[in-house]
Each structure stands twice: as structure tokens, then as C-alpha cells.
Amino acid sequence: MTLSGHEFLESIRDDDRWKRIKSGLSAIRNFSLSAISSIAEGVTSAAITAYLKAP
């Protein structure tokens, strides 16, 4: 498996994150690997932003 594959799996490994990703996929009705990766990236970015804004 390539480094990109490992990074992808790490981005969707968490159960709560995967639930959010699946919800996003259902909303846009696109189940391509590209869509999954984009949503996973957005979910991760949102988690990072929330962490940085926490007191």
C-alpha cells in the first residue's frame, strides 16, 4: 500500500469521523474515492480548527 493509502485510511479510521463522512456522502450522493477523501479532509480540518479555538 502506498503512503497515500495509509494516510487515507488514517483519515477515516475514527468511528465518529467515519459517521460524519458517511453523512456528507449521503447528502451529496457521490460515493467516489475522491469525494470520500475531500469530505474526510474537511472533517479533519474542522476538528483541528475546533481544537485550536478551544480555551
N, C-alpha and C. Protein backbone atom coordinates (compact mmCIF):
# COMPACT_ATOMS: atom_id res chain seq x y z
N MET A 1 0.86 -1.16 0.00
CA MET A 1 0.00 0.00 0.00
C MET A 1 0.91 1.23 0.00
N THR A 2 0.45 2.25 -0.68
CA THR A 2 1.23 3.48 -0.78
C THR A 2 1.03 4.35 0.46
N LEU A 3 1.87 5.36 0.59
CA LEU A 3 1.74 6.32 1.69
C LEU A 3 0.37 7.01 1.62
N SER A 4 -0.07 7.33 0.42
CA SER A 4 -1.38 7.97 0.27
C SER A 4 -2.50 7.07 0.78
N GLY A 5 -2.39 5.78 0.52
CA GLY A 5 -3.38 4.83 1.01
C GLY A 5 -3.42 4.77 2.52
N HIS A 6 -2.24 4.76 3.14
CA HIS A 6 -2.17 4.77 4.61
C HIS A 6 -2.76 6.05 5.18
N GLU A 7 -2.46 7.18 4.56
CA GLU A 7 -2.99 8.45 5.02
C GLU A 7 -4.51 8.48 4.88
N PHE A 8 -5.02 7.93 3.78
CA PHE A 8 -6.47 7.88 3.58
C PHE A 8 -7.13 7.04 4.68
N LEU A 9 -6.60 5.86 4.94
CA LEU A 9 -7.17 5.00 5.97
C LEU A 9 -7.12 5.66 7.34
N GLU A 10 -6.06 6.37 7.62
CA GLU A 10 -5.95 7.06 8.91
C GLU A 10 -7.00 8.17 9.01
N SER A 11 -7.32 8.80 7.88
CA SER A 11 -8.29 9.91 7.91
C SER A 11 -9.72 9.43 8.14
N ILE A 12 -10.01 8.14 7.92
CA ILE A 12 -11.37 7.65 8.09
C ILE A 12 -11.48 6.61 9.21
N ARG A 13 -10.42 6.37 9.92
CA ARG A 13 -10.38 5.29 10.92
C ARG A 13 -11.31 5.53 12.11
N ASP A 14 -11.38 6.72 12.62
CA ASP A 14 -12.19 7.04 13.79
C ASP A 14 -13.68 6.84 13.48
N ASP A 15 -14.40 6.13 14.35
CA ASP A 15 -15.82 5.83 14.11
C ASP A 15 -16.68 7.08 14.00
N ASP A 16 -16.46 8.05 14.90
CA ASP A 16 -17.26 9.28 14.84
C ASP A 16 -16.97 10.05 13.56
N ARG A 17 -15.72 10.12 13.17
CA ARG A 17 -15.35 10.81 11.93
C ARG A 17 -15.97 10.10 10.73
N TRP A 18 -15.93 8.76 10.72
CA TRP A 18 -16.49 7.99 9.61
C TRP A 18 -18.00 8.23 9.50
N LYS A 19 -18.70 8.34 10.63
CA LYS A 19 -20.14 8.63 10.60
C LYS A 19 -20.40 9.98 9.95
N ARG A 20 -19.58 10.97 10.27
CA ARG A 20 -19.74 12.31 9.67
C ARG A 20 -19.46 12.28 8.18
N ILE A 21 -18.45 11.50 7.79
CA ILE A 21 -18.11 11.36 6.37
C ILE A 21 -19.27 10.70 5.62
N LYS A 22 -19.82 9.62 6.18
CA LYS A 22 -20.94 8.93 5.52
C LYS A 22 -22.15 9.85 5.40
N SER A 23 -22.37 10.68 6.41
CA SER A 23 -23.48 11.63 6.35
C SER A 23 -23.27 12.61 5.19
N GLY A 24 -22.06 13.10 5.06
CA GLY A 24 -21.75 14.02 3.96
C GLY A 24 -21.89 13.37 2.60
N LEU A 25 -21.49 12.11 2.50
CA LEU A 25 -21.61 11.39 1.23
C LEU A 25 -23.08 11.21 0.85
N SER A 26 -23.91 10.91 1.84
CA SER A 26 -25.35 10.76 1.57
C SER A 26 -25.95 12.07 1.09
N ALA A 27 -25.48 13.17 1.66
CA ALA A 27 -26.02 14.49 1.30
C ALA A 27 -25.66 14.86 -0.14
N ILE A 28 -24.45 14.54 -0.56
CA ILE A 28 -24.04 14.91 -1.92
C ILE A 28 -24.27 13.80 -2.93
N ARG A 29 -24.59 12.59 -2.43
CA ARG A 29 -24.89 11.43 -3.27
C ARG A 29 -23.76 11.13 -4.25
N ASN A 30 -22.54 11.23 -3.76
CA ASN A 30 -21.35 10.90 -4.54
C ASN A 30 -20.47 10.03 -3.66
N PHE A 31 -20.24 8.81 -4.08
CA PHE A 31 -19.51 7.86 -3.25
C PHE A 31 -18.15 7.51 -3.83
N SER A 32 -17.58 8.42 -4.61
CA SER A 32 -16.26 8.17 -5.20
C SER A 32 -15.16 8.33 -4.15
N LEU A 33 -14.03 7.74 -4.42
CA LEU A 33 -12.89 7.85 -3.50
C LEU A 33 -12.47 9.31 -3.35
N SER A 34 -12.57 10.04 -4.42
CA SER A 34 -12.23 11.47 -4.38
C SER A 34 -13.16 12.23 -3.43
N ALA A 35 -14.45 11.93 -3.50
CA ALA A 35 -15.42 12.59 -2.62
C ALA A 35 -15.18 12.21 -1.17
N ILE A 36 -14.91 10.93 -0.92
CA ILE A 36 -14.63 10.48 0.44
C ILE A 36 -13.41 11.21 0.99
N SER A 37 -12.37 11.30 0.19
CA SER A 37 -11.14 11.98 0.62
C SER A 37 -11.39 13.46 0.91
N SER A 38 -12.15 14.11 0.05
CA SER A 38 -12.43 15.54 0.24
C SER A 38 -13.23 15.79 1.52
N ILE A 39 -14.24 14.97 1.74
CA ILE A 39 -15.05 15.13 2.95
C ILE A 39 -14.21 14.82 4.19
N ALA A 40 -13.40 13.77 4.12
CA ALA A 40 -12.54 13.42 5.25
C ALA A 40 -11.58 14.57 5.57
N GLU A 41 -11.06 15.20 4.54
CA GLU A 41 -10.17 16.34 4.74
C GLU A 41 -10.90 17.49 5.41
N GLY A 42 -12.13 17.75 4.98
CA GLY A 42 -12.92 18.82 5.58
C GLY A 42 -13.26 18.53 7.04
N VAL A 43 -13.61 17.29 7.34
CA VAL A 43 -13.93 16.90 8.72
C VAL A 43 -12.69 17.06 9.60
N THR A 44 -11.55 16.65 9.08
CA THR A 44 -10.30 16.77 9.84
C THR A 44 -9.95 18.24 10.06
N SER A 45 -10.09 19.05 9.03
CA SER A 45 -9.81 20.49 9.17
C SER A 45 -10.72 21.14 10.21
N ALA A 46 -11.99 20.75 10.19
CA ALA A 46 -12.94 21.30 11.17
C ALA A 46 -12.55 20.89 12.59
N ALA A 47 -12.11 19.64 12.76
CA ALA A 47 -11.68 19.18 14.08
C ALA A 47 -10.46 19.94 14.56
N ILE A 48 -9.53 20.20 13.67
CA ILE A 48 -8.33 20.96 14.03
C ILE A 48 -8.70 22.39 14.42
N THR A 49 -9.56 23.01 13.64
CA THR A 49 -10.00 24.38 13.92
C THR A 49 -10.70 24.44 15.27
N ALA A 50 -11.57 23.49 15.54
CA ALA A 50 -12.27 23.47 16.82
C ALA A 50 -11.28 23.30 17.98
N TYR A 51 -10.29 22.47 17.80
CA TYR A 51 -9.29 22.25 18.84
C TYR A 51 -8.50 23.53 19.10
N LEU A 52 -8.11 24.22 18.05
CA LEU A 52 -7.31 25.44 18.18
C LEU A 52 -8.10 26.58 18.81
N LYS A 53 -9.42 26.59 18.61
CA LYS A 53 -10.25 27.65 19.18
C LYS A 53 -10.69 27.36 20.60
N ALA A 54 -10.51 26.14 21.06
CA ALA A 54 -10.92 25.77 22.42
C ALA A 54 -10.05 26.50 23.43
N PRO A 55 -10.67 26.94 24.54
CA PRO A 55 -9.91 27.69 25.56
C PRO A 55 -8.90 26.85 26.30
